N, C-alpha and C. Protein backbone atom coordinates (compact mmCIF):
# COMPACT_ATOMS: atom_id res chain seq x y z
N UNK A 1 41.03 11.54 2.07
CA UNK A 1 41.41 10.25 2.53
C UNK A 1 42.27 9.43 1.52
N UNK A 2 42.91 8.49 1.89
CA UNK A 2 43.75 7.71 1.01
C UNK A 2 42.94 6.58 0.34
N UNK A 3 41.66 6.61 0.58
CA UNK A 3 40.83 5.52 0.01
C UNK A 3 40.58 5.85 -1.41
N UNK A 4 40.85 4.62 -2.30
CA UNK A 4 40.81 4.73 -3.69
C UNK A 4 39.46 4.65 -4.17
N UNK A 5 38.47 4.27 -3.18
CA UNK A 5 37.02 4.24 -3.73
C UNK A 5 36.38 5.67 -3.58
N UNK A 6 36.73 6.48 -4.53
CA UNK A 6 36.04 7.73 -4.68
C UNK A 6 34.45 7.58 -4.59
N UNK A 7 33.77 8.63 -4.49
CA UNK A 7 32.32 8.48 -4.33
C UNK A 7 31.83 8.48 -5.84
N UNK A 8 31.06 7.58 -6.37
CA UNK A 8 30.52 7.54 -7.60
C UNK A 8 29.20 8.29 -7.61
N UNK A 9 28.87 8.62 -8.79
CA UNK A 9 27.49 9.21 -9.04
C UNK A 9 26.56 8.11 -8.90
N UNK A 10 25.46 8.16 -8.35
CA UNK A 10 24.37 6.97 -8.19
C UNK A 10 23.87 6.78 -9.75
N UNK A 11 23.79 7.80 -10.45
CA UNK A 11 23.25 7.72 -11.85
C UNK A 11 24.21 6.78 -12.67
N UNK A 12 25.55 6.97 -12.55
CA UNK A 12 26.55 6.21 -13.14
C UNK A 12 26.39 4.75 -12.72
N UNK A 13 26.17 4.43 -11.44
CA UNK A 13 26.05 3.37 -10.85
C UNK A 13 24.93 2.57 -11.43
N UNK A 14 23.76 3.31 -11.23
CA UNK A 14 22.42 2.70 -11.65
C UNK A 14 22.36 2.38 -12.98
N UNK A 15 23.04 2.96 -13.94
CA UNK A 15 23.04 2.67 -15.42
C UNK A 15 23.73 1.35 -15.64
N UNK A 16 24.60 0.86 -14.80
CA UNK A 16 25.53 -0.28 -15.10
C UNK A 16 25.70 -1.07 -13.97
N UNK A 17 24.45 -1.27 -13.13
CA UNK A 17 24.64 -1.91 -11.84
C UNK A 17 25.26 -3.30 -11.82
N UNK A 18 24.86 -3.96 -13.01
CA UNK A 18 25.51 -5.47 -12.90
C UNK A 18 26.95 -5.52 -13.20
N UNK A 19 27.46 -4.41 -13.79
CA UNK A 19 28.90 -4.39 -13.87
C UNK A 19 29.58 -4.24 -12.54
N UNK A 20 28.84 -3.73 -11.73
CA UNK A 20 29.50 -3.35 -10.17
C UNK A 20 29.10 -4.40 -9.20
N UNK A 21 28.39 -5.49 -9.73
CA UNK A 21 28.01 -6.58 -8.87
C UNK A 21 29.14 -7.18 -8.13
N UNK A 22 29.12 -7.20 -6.77
CA UNK A 22 30.19 -7.83 -6.01
C UNK A 22 31.35 -6.89 -5.83
N UNK A 23 31.27 -5.67 -6.37
CA UNK A 23 32.44 -4.74 -6.25
C UNK A 23 31.93 -3.92 -5.11
N UNK A 24 33.19 -3.21 -4.47
CA UNK A 24 33.12 -2.35 -3.38
C UNK A 24 32.95 -0.70 -4.05
N UNK A 25 32.01 -0.10 -3.58
CA UNK A 25 31.67 1.29 -4.07
C UNK A 25 31.43 2.18 -2.96
N UNK A 26 31.42 3.38 -3.36
CA UNK A 26 31.19 4.51 -2.39
C UNK A 26 30.28 5.48 -3.05
N UNK A 27 29.09 5.65 -2.56
CA UNK A 27 28.21 6.75 -3.18
C UNK A 27 27.68 7.66 -2.20
N UNK A 28 27.28 8.93 -2.82
CA UNK A 28 26.71 9.96 -1.80
C UNK A 28 25.29 10.32 -2.55
N UNK A 29 24.33 10.51 -1.71
CA UNK A 29 23.08 10.98 -2.01
C UNK A 29 22.36 11.42 -0.92
N UNK A 30 20.97 11.62 -1.22
CA UNK A 30 20.04 12.10 -0.25
C UNK A 30 19.14 10.93 0.17
N UNK A 31 18.96 10.71 1.47
CA UNK A 31 18.11 9.66 1.98
C UNK A 31 16.64 9.98 1.43
N UNK A 32 15.90 9.15 0.68
CA UNK A 32 14.73 9.43 0.13
C UNK A 32 13.58 9.30 1.23
N UNK A 33 12.89 10.51 1.52
CA UNK A 33 11.81 10.45 2.40
C UNK A 33 10.91 9.33 2.17
N UNK A 34 10.37 8.56 3.06
CA UNK A 34 9.40 7.54 2.76
C UNK A 34 10.09 6.29 2.35
N UNK A 35 11.46 6.18 2.10
CA UNK A 35 11.97 4.79 1.64
C UNK A 35 12.58 4.16 2.70
N UNK A 36 12.63 4.56 3.90
CA UNK A 36 13.50 3.88 4.97
C UNK A 36 12.48 2.90 5.69
N UNK A 37 12.88 1.59 5.78
CA UNK A 37 11.98 0.53 6.49
C UNK A 37 13.03 -0.43 7.16
N UNK A 38 12.55 -0.94 8.26
CA UNK A 38 13.22 -1.82 8.98
C UNK A 38 12.58 -3.23 8.61
N UNK A 39 13.44 -4.32 8.09
CA UNK A 39 13.08 -5.47 7.75
C UNK A 39 12.75 -6.40 8.84
N UNK A 40 13.57 -6.70 9.61
CA UNK A 40 13.44 -7.66 10.81
C UNK A 40 13.51 -6.86 12.06
N UNK A 41 14.38 -5.99 12.21
CA UNK A 41 14.54 -5.06 13.44
C UNK A 41 15.33 -3.78 12.95
N UNK A 42 15.85 -3.13 14.17
CA UNK A 42 16.46 -1.88 13.74
C UNK A 42 17.85 -2.09 13.26
N UNK A 43 18.40 -3.30 13.26
CA UNK A 43 19.61 -3.64 12.65
C UNK A 43 19.55 -4.31 11.33
N UNK A 44 18.33 -4.04 10.62
CA UNK A 44 18.12 -4.39 9.20
C UNK A 44 17.38 -3.45 8.69
N UNK A 45 18.07 -2.58 8.06
CA UNK A 45 17.41 -1.19 7.59
C UNK A 45 17.62 -1.15 6.05
N UNK A 46 16.55 -0.93 5.45
CA UNK A 46 16.62 -0.55 3.93
C UNK A 46 16.34 0.83 3.76
N UNK A 47 17.04 1.58 2.79
CA UNK A 47 16.53 2.75 2.47
C UNK A 47 17.11 3.08 1.03
N UNK A 48 16.50 4.26 0.38
CA UNK A 48 17.01 4.63 -0.91
C UNK A 48 17.83 5.78 -0.70
N UNK A 49 19.00 5.91 -1.59
CA UNK A 49 19.68 7.17 -1.84
C UNK A 49 19.40 7.72 -3.22
N UNK A 50 19.11 9.00 -3.37
CA UNK A 50 18.92 9.62 -4.57
C UNK A 50 20.00 10.78 -5.00
N UNK A 51 20.26 10.99 -6.16
CA UNK A 51 21.26 11.89 -6.54
C UNK A 51 20.41 13.13 -7.19
N UNK A 52 21.15 14.14 -7.63
CA UNK A 52 20.48 15.38 -8.26
C UNK A 52 19.88 15.05 -9.50
N UNK A 53 20.39 13.90 -10.18
CA UNK A 53 19.73 13.62 -11.49
C UNK A 53 18.46 12.77 -11.30
N UNK A 54 18.01 12.43 -9.99
CA UNK A 54 17.03 11.68 -9.75
C UNK A 54 17.07 10.07 -9.87
N UNK A 55 18.38 9.70 -9.89
CA UNK A 55 18.70 8.26 -9.89
C UNK A 55 18.88 7.77 -8.49
N UNK A 56 18.40 6.55 -8.40
CA UNK A 56 18.10 6.01 -6.91
C UNK A 56 19.02 4.77 -6.81
N UNK A 57 19.31 4.33 -5.60
CA UNK A 57 19.86 3.04 -5.40
C UNK A 57 19.32 2.68 -3.99
N UNK A 58 19.02 1.37 -3.83
CA UNK A 58 18.75 0.82 -2.54
C UNK A 58 20.00 0.49 -1.69
N UNK A 59 19.82 0.69 -0.43
CA UNK A 59 20.89 0.49 0.44
C UNK A 59 20.40 -0.37 1.66
N UNK A 60 21.22 -1.31 2.04
CA UNK A 60 20.93 -2.22 3.11
C UNK A 60 21.89 -2.04 4.08
N UNK A 61 21.55 -1.62 5.42
CA UNK A 61 22.47 -1.39 6.46
C UNK A 61 22.12 -2.21 7.75
N UNK A 62 23.15 -2.85 8.32
CA UNK A 62 22.95 -3.89 9.34
C UNK A 62 23.55 -3.54 10.64
N UNK A 63 23.79 -2.26 10.84
CA UNK A 63 24.52 -1.78 12.12
C UNK A 63 23.49 -0.68 12.60
N UNK A 64 24.01 -0.05 13.84
CA UNK A 64 23.21 0.86 14.56
C UNK A 64 23.20 2.00 13.60
N UNK A 65 22.17 2.72 13.32
CA UNK A 65 21.94 3.95 12.43
C UNK A 65 22.85 5.01 13.09
N UNK A 66 23.67 5.88 12.52
CA UNK A 66 24.21 7.03 12.96
C UNK A 66 23.23 7.97 13.50
N UNK A 67 23.52 8.64 14.59
CA UNK A 67 22.54 9.64 15.21
C UNK A 67 21.93 10.67 14.15
N UNK A 68 22.69 11.20 13.31
CA UNK A 68 22.02 12.36 12.40
C UNK A 68 21.21 11.57 11.37
N UNK A 69 21.10 10.27 11.30
CA UNK A 69 20.36 9.58 10.29
C UNK A 69 18.96 10.24 10.28
N UNK A 70 18.46 10.76 9.02
CA UNK A 70 17.07 11.26 8.84
C UNK A 70 16.77 11.46 7.47
N UNK A 71 15.57 11.15 7.17
CA UNK A 71 15.23 11.16 5.91
C UNK A 71 15.40 12.58 5.16
N UNK A 72 15.78 12.77 4.02
CA UNK A 72 16.10 14.04 3.36
C UNK A 72 17.43 14.60 3.56
N UNK A 73 18.16 13.90 4.32
CA UNK A 73 19.64 14.31 4.61
C UNK A 73 20.62 13.76 3.69
N UNK A 74 21.78 14.33 3.57
CA UNK A 74 22.79 13.72 2.60
C UNK A 74 23.49 12.67 3.28
N UNK A 75 23.87 11.62 2.58
CA UNK A 75 24.58 10.42 3.15
C UNK A 75 25.63 9.98 2.35
N UNK A 76 26.67 9.37 2.77
CA UNK A 76 27.51 8.64 2.10
C UNK A 76 27.59 7.18 2.42
N UNK A 77 27.47 6.34 1.51
CA UNK A 77 27.40 4.86 1.72
C UNK A 77 28.54 4.16 1.09
N UNK A 78 29.19 3.33 1.85
CA UNK A 78 30.20 2.54 1.17
C UNK A 78 29.93 0.94 1.52
N UNK A 79 30.07 0.26 0.44
CA UNK A 79 29.83 -1.26 0.61
C UNK A 79 29.89 -1.96 -0.66
N UNK A 80 29.42 -3.15 -0.63
CA UNK A 80 29.56 -3.93 -1.73
C UNK A 80 28.16 -4.17 -2.48
N UNK A 81 28.20 -4.04 -3.80
CA UNK A 81 26.84 -4.20 -4.53
C UNK A 81 26.52 -5.63 -4.68
N UNK A 82 25.44 -6.06 -4.00
CA UNK A 82 25.00 -7.38 -3.99
C UNK A 82 23.58 -7.60 -4.38
N UNK A 83 23.38 -8.32 -5.69
CA UNK A 83 21.92 -8.20 -6.22
C UNK A 83 21.44 -6.93 -6.33
N UNK A 84 22.25 -6.08 -6.77
CA UNK A 84 21.73 -4.66 -7.12
C UNK A 84 21.42 -3.71 -5.92
N UNK A 85 21.89 -4.11 -4.58
CA UNK A 85 21.61 -3.38 -3.50
C UNK A 85 23.10 -3.08 -2.82
N UNK A 86 23.22 -1.88 -2.32
CA UNK A 86 24.35 -1.70 -1.73
C UNK A 86 24.50 -2.35 -0.22
N UNK A 87 25.22 -3.44 0.05
CA UNK A 87 25.33 -4.04 1.25
C UNK A 87 26.33 -3.07 2.05
N UNK A 88 25.76 -2.14 2.82
CA UNK A 88 26.53 -1.04 3.37
C UNK A 88 27.26 -1.46 4.55
N UNK A 89 28.65 -1.26 4.57
CA UNK A 89 29.56 -1.53 5.71
C UNK A 89 29.85 -0.22 6.46
N UNK A 90 29.81 0.99 5.69
CA UNK A 90 30.15 2.27 6.28
C UNK A 90 29.16 3.20 5.89
N UNK A 91 28.34 4.05 6.81
CA UNK A 91 27.47 5.05 6.50
C UNK A 91 27.68 6.28 7.20
N UNK A 92 27.94 7.33 6.54
CA UNK A 92 28.01 8.66 7.04
C UNK A 92 26.91 9.57 6.62
N UNK A 93 26.25 10.14 7.75
CA UNK A 93 25.18 11.02 7.40
C UNK A 93 25.54 12.47 7.78
N UNK A 94 25.32 13.42 7.04
CA UNK A 94 25.75 14.82 7.06
C UNK A 94 24.58 15.56 7.78
N UNK A 95 24.93 16.45 8.79
CA UNK A 95 23.92 17.33 9.39
C UNK A 95 23.66 18.30 8.42
N UNK A 96 22.36 18.78 8.30
CA UNK A 96 22.11 19.95 7.30
C UNK A 96 22.92 21.09 7.56
N UNK A 97 23.34 21.84 6.67
CA UNK A 97 24.22 23.04 6.87
C UNK A 97 23.56 24.16 7.52
N UNK A 98 22.16 24.17 7.38
CA UNK A 98 21.60 25.33 8.24
C UNK A 98 21.84 25.31 9.68
N UNK A 99 22.27 24.04 10.13
CA UNK A 99 22.50 23.97 11.44
C UNK A 99 23.93 24.17 11.83
N UNK A 100 24.76 24.59 10.88
CA UNK A 100 26.09 24.86 10.89
C UNK A 100 26.57 25.62 12.17
N UNK A 101 25.83 26.78 12.42
CA UNK A 101 26.19 27.65 13.46
C UNK A 101 26.54 26.77 14.73
N UNK A 102 25.44 25.94 15.06
CA UNK A 102 25.49 25.25 16.37
C UNK A 102 26.47 23.86 16.11
N UNK A 103 26.91 23.61 14.80
CA UNK A 103 27.53 22.41 14.46
C UNK A 103 29.06 22.51 15.09
N UNK A 104 29.57 21.48 15.30
CA UNK A 104 30.98 21.31 15.77
C UNK A 104 31.70 20.72 14.66
N UNK A 105 33.00 21.02 14.68
CA UNK A 105 33.78 20.20 13.74
C UNK A 105 34.12 18.81 14.39
N UNK A 106 34.44 17.95 13.58
CA UNK A 106 34.79 16.67 14.27
C UNK A 106 35.69 16.60 15.33
N UNK A 107 36.84 17.31 15.36
CA UNK A 107 37.66 17.41 16.45
C UNK A 107 37.05 18.01 17.67
N UNK A 108 36.07 19.09 17.53
CA UNK A 108 35.38 19.64 18.61
C UNK A 108 34.22 18.69 19.21
N UNK A 109 33.78 17.91 18.22
CA UNK A 109 32.79 16.91 18.67
C UNK A 109 33.51 15.85 19.39
N UNK A 110 34.66 15.39 18.84
CA UNK A 110 35.34 14.35 19.67
C UNK A 110 35.66 14.82 21.14
N UNK A 111 36.19 16.02 21.17
CA UNK A 111 36.46 16.72 22.44
C UNK A 111 35.29 16.76 23.34
N UNK A 112 34.08 17.18 22.78
CA UNK A 112 32.87 17.29 23.56
C UNK A 112 32.52 15.90 24.02
N UNK A 113 32.68 14.93 23.17
CA UNK A 113 32.17 13.56 23.46
C UNK A 113 33.17 13.03 24.85
N UNK A 114 34.46 13.42 24.83
CA UNK A 114 35.26 13.09 25.89
C UNK A 114 34.96 13.87 27.01
N UNK A 115 34.59 14.99 27.06
CA UNK A 115 34.32 16.00 28.16
C UNK A 115 32.86 15.50 28.75
N UNK A 116 32.02 15.05 27.88
CA UNK A 116 30.69 14.84 28.35
C UNK A 116 30.21 13.30 27.98
N UNK A 117 30.88 12.33 28.57
CA UNK A 117 30.56 11.00 28.06
C UNK A 117 29.03 10.62 28.39
N UNK A 118 28.61 11.22 29.49
CA UNK A 118 27.18 10.96 29.77
C UNK A 118 26.13 11.31 28.79
N UNK A 119 26.48 12.13 27.93
CA UNK A 119 25.50 12.49 26.80
C UNK A 119 25.63 11.45 25.82
N UNK A 120 26.40 10.51 25.80
CA UNK A 120 26.59 9.53 24.57
C UNK A 120 26.42 8.02 25.07
N UNK A 121 25.78 8.00 26.21
CA UNK A 121 25.51 6.50 26.62
C UNK A 121 24.41 6.01 25.73
N UNK A 122 24.75 4.79 25.40
CA UNK A 122 23.82 4.06 24.58
C UNK A 122 22.45 3.75 25.48
N UNK A 123 21.17 3.78 25.03
CA UNK A 123 20.13 3.47 25.83
C UNK A 123 20.19 1.97 26.16
N UNK A 124 19.63 1.52 27.24
CA UNK A 124 19.76 0.02 27.44
C UNK A 124 19.01 -0.59 26.57
N UNK A 125 19.53 -1.84 26.14
CA UNK A 125 19.07 -2.62 25.06
C UNK A 125 17.46 -2.88 25.25
N UNK A 126 16.96 -3.00 26.38
CA UNK A 126 15.65 -3.25 26.43
C UNK A 126 14.68 -2.08 26.61
N UNK A 127 15.35 -1.03 26.60
CA UNK A 127 14.55 0.31 26.62
C UNK A 127 13.40 0.28 25.52
N UNK A 128 12.35 0.78 25.90
CA UNK A 128 11.19 0.84 24.78
C UNK A 128 11.72 2.33 23.96
N UNK A 129 11.43 2.11 22.65
CA UNK A 129 11.97 3.15 21.78
C UNK A 129 11.02 4.32 21.87
């Protein structure tokens, strides 16, 4: 992509968090099992991302979580560092590679979505979870 905000290492960010306060960043890590919680509702989610060095950063996300979102999966978070937390505006979660055989490329997925719109209806807002 033409985006200048390349993915930073969480360990680099964590070491100098105050230097990045108010700045736009992009990080990649694994969603820490047991770290995910909803503050007020399902549009007020906090979770930690961890990198292979064991460095962690807290992420705050206030949109609908992407379907593949699960603890232990790899994710890319983009957003602004605010009081040491990533106020995340874009979250991408990768499906585990062991499912790749049944996995579709993005183009195939988009085509599938167009051909099968009924599979992608949002549940009614008042449906029980």
